[in-house]
Each structure stands twice: as C-alpha cells, then as structure tokens.
C-alpha cells in the first residue's frame, strides 16, 4: 500500500504523499484507508490484483 501511495505521489504530486503518509512512512491518522471493504491501519498492507482501495478524507461538520 505504501508503494502505491508513493507511485501515485510521483504522478500527482508530493502533497498527496504528505497527506496520506507520516514522515516515517506510516499511514496518516487523518485519512481513513479502506482495502477491500476493510479499514487499513498499516502502510505495509499487501495489495493484490483486483484490490479495491478507497482513501476517505476527514469530514467536519457543525450543528444541525
């Protein structure tokens, strides 16, 4: 997973890597990562052909 994030950052810009990974290469707490419908907490998670990955940004809200 970490390699995928770095590859995407090579293509789309380093800001993406800075958002998704900490300085030591761990997944950032601010973004939820889903791999095949399961929350992932480790950038070392293994991907396989056909894996489905979602990067879910933080949401903020207010009063209704």
C-alpha atoms as a PDB file:
ATOM      1  CA  UNK A   1       0.000   0.000   0.000  1.00  0.00           C
ATOM      2  CA  UNK A   2       2.794   2.408   0.860  1.00  0.00           C
ATOM      3  CA  UNK A   3       4.421   1.732  -2.520  1.00  0.00           C
ATOM      4  CA  UNK A   4       1.134   2.518  -4.280  1.00  0.00           C
ATOM      5  CA  UNK A   5       0.843   5.807  -2.391  1.00  0.00           C
ATOM      6  CA  UNK A   6       4.404   6.769  -3.360  1.00  0.00           C
ATOM      7  CA  UNK A   7       3.717   5.832  -7.008  1.00  0.00           C
ATOM      8  CA  UNK A   8       0.577   7.984  -7.010  1.00  0.00           C
ATOM      9  CA  UNK A   9       2.568  10.819  -5.435  1.00  0.00           C
ATOM     10  CA  UNK A  10       5.156  10.537  -8.222  1.00  0.00           C
ATOM     11  CA  UNK A  11       2.370  11.022 -10.738  1.00  0.00           C
ATOM     12  CA  UNK A  12       0.105  13.505  -8.918  1.00  0.00           C
ATOM     13  CA  UNK A  13       2.473  15.375  -6.618  1.00  0.00           C
ATOM     14  CA  UNK A  14       4.246  15.040  -3.300  1.00  0.00           C
ATOM     15  CA  UNK A  15       1.367  16.739  -1.476  1.00  0.00           C
ATOM     16  CA  UNK A  16      -0.587  13.506  -1.869  1.00  0.00           C
ATOM     17  CA  UNK A  17       2.132  11.518  -0.100  1.00  0.00           C
ATOM     18  CA  UNK A  18       2.342  14.161   2.634  1.00  0.00           C
ATOM     19  CA  UNK A  19      -1.407  13.862   3.232  1.00  0.00           C
ATOM     20  CA  UNK A  20      -1.546  10.055   3.283  1.00  0.00           C
ATOM     21  CA  UNK A  21       1.753   9.120   4.972  1.00  0.00           C
ATOM     22  CA  UNK A  22       3.616  10.373   8.022  1.00  0.00           C
ATOM     23  CA  UNK A  23       7.312  11.281   7.855  1.00  0.00           C
ATOM     24  CA  UNK A  24       8.249   7.742   8.929  1.00  0.00           C
ATOM     25  CA  UNK A  25       6.072   6.123   6.224  1.00  0.00           C
ATOM     26  CA  UNK A  26       3.095   5.122   8.372  1.00  0.00           C
ATOM     27  CA  UNK A  27      -0.464   5.845   7.286  1.00  0.00           C
ATOM     28  CA  UNK A  28      -1.617   9.243   8.493  1.00  0.00           C
ATOM     29  CA  UNK A  29      -4.351   9.173  11.135  1.00  0.00           C
ATOM     30  CA  UNK A  30      -6.270  11.954   9.385  1.00  0.00           C
ATOM     31  CA  UNK A  31      -7.292   9.804   6.408  1.00  0.00           C
ATOM     32  CA  UNK A  32      -9.181   6.516   6.556  1.00  0.00           C
ATOM     33  CA  UNK A  33      -7.916   3.914   4.097  1.00  0.00           C
ATOM     34  CA  UNK A  34     -10.173   1.060   3.048  1.00  0.00           C
ATOM     35  CA  UNK A  35      -8.774  -2.031   1.327  1.00  0.00           C
ATOM     36  CA  UNK A  36     -11.388  -4.457   0.013  1.00  0.00           C
ATOM     37  CA  UNK A  37     -14.021  -3.047   2.396  1.00  0.00           C
ATOM     38  CA  UNK A  38     -11.750  -3.300   5.448  1.00  0.00           C
ATOM     39  CA  UNK A  39     -10.165  -0.378   7.286  1.00  0.00           C
ATOM     40  CA  UNK A  40      -6.386  -0.481   6.971  1.00  0.00           C
ATOM     41  CA  UNK A  41      -4.042   0.937   9.609  1.00  0.00           C
ATOM     42  CA  UNK A  42      -0.730  -0.222   8.143  1.00  0.00           C
ATOM     43  CA  UNK A  43       1.073   1.100   5.054  1.00  0.00           C
ATOM     44  CA  UNK A  44       2.632  -2.362   4.698  1.00  0.00           C
ATOM     45  CA  UNK A  45      -0.740  -3.903   3.806  1.00  0.00           C
ATOM     46  CA  UNK A  46      -0.336  -6.159   0.778  1.00  0.00           C
ATOM     47  CA  UNK A  47      -2.229  -5.395  -2.402  1.00  0.00           C
ATOM     48  CA  UNK A  48      -3.243  -7.970  -4.973  1.00  0.00           C
ATOM     49  CA  UNK A  49      -4.526  -7.648  -8.499  1.00  0.00           C
ATOM     50  CA  UNK A  50      -8.124  -6.507  -8.238  1.00  0.00           C
ATOM     51  CA  UNK A  51      -7.701  -4.923  -4.789  1.00  0.00           C
ATOM     52  CA  UNK A  52     -10.087  -2.029  -4.202  1.00  0.00           C
ATOM     53  CA  UNK A  53      -8.677   0.912  -2.276  1.00  0.00           C
ATOM     54  CA  UNK A  54     -10.532   3.961  -1.000  1.00  0.00           C
ATOM     55  CA  UNK A  55      -8.885   6.995   0.559  1.00  0.00           C
ATOM     56  CA  UNK A  56     -11.532   8.679   2.698  1.00  0.00           C
ATOM     57  CA  UNK A  57     -10.706  12.256   3.718  1.00  0.00           C
ATOM     58  CA  UNK A  58     -11.700  13.611   7.103  1.00  0.00           C
ATOM     59  CA  UNK A  59     -15.114  15.198   7.387  1.00  0.00           C
ATOM     60  CA  UNK A  60     -16.059  18.060   9.583  1.00  0.00           C
ATOM     61  CA  UNK A  61     -19.441  19.282  10.476  1.00  0.00           C
ATOM     62  CA  UNK A  62     -21.380  21.636  12.588  1.00  0.00           C
ATOM     63  CA  UNK A  63     -24.679  21.863  14.274  1.00  0.00           C
ATOM     64  CA  UNK A  64     -27.918  20.997  12.550  1.00  0.00           C
END
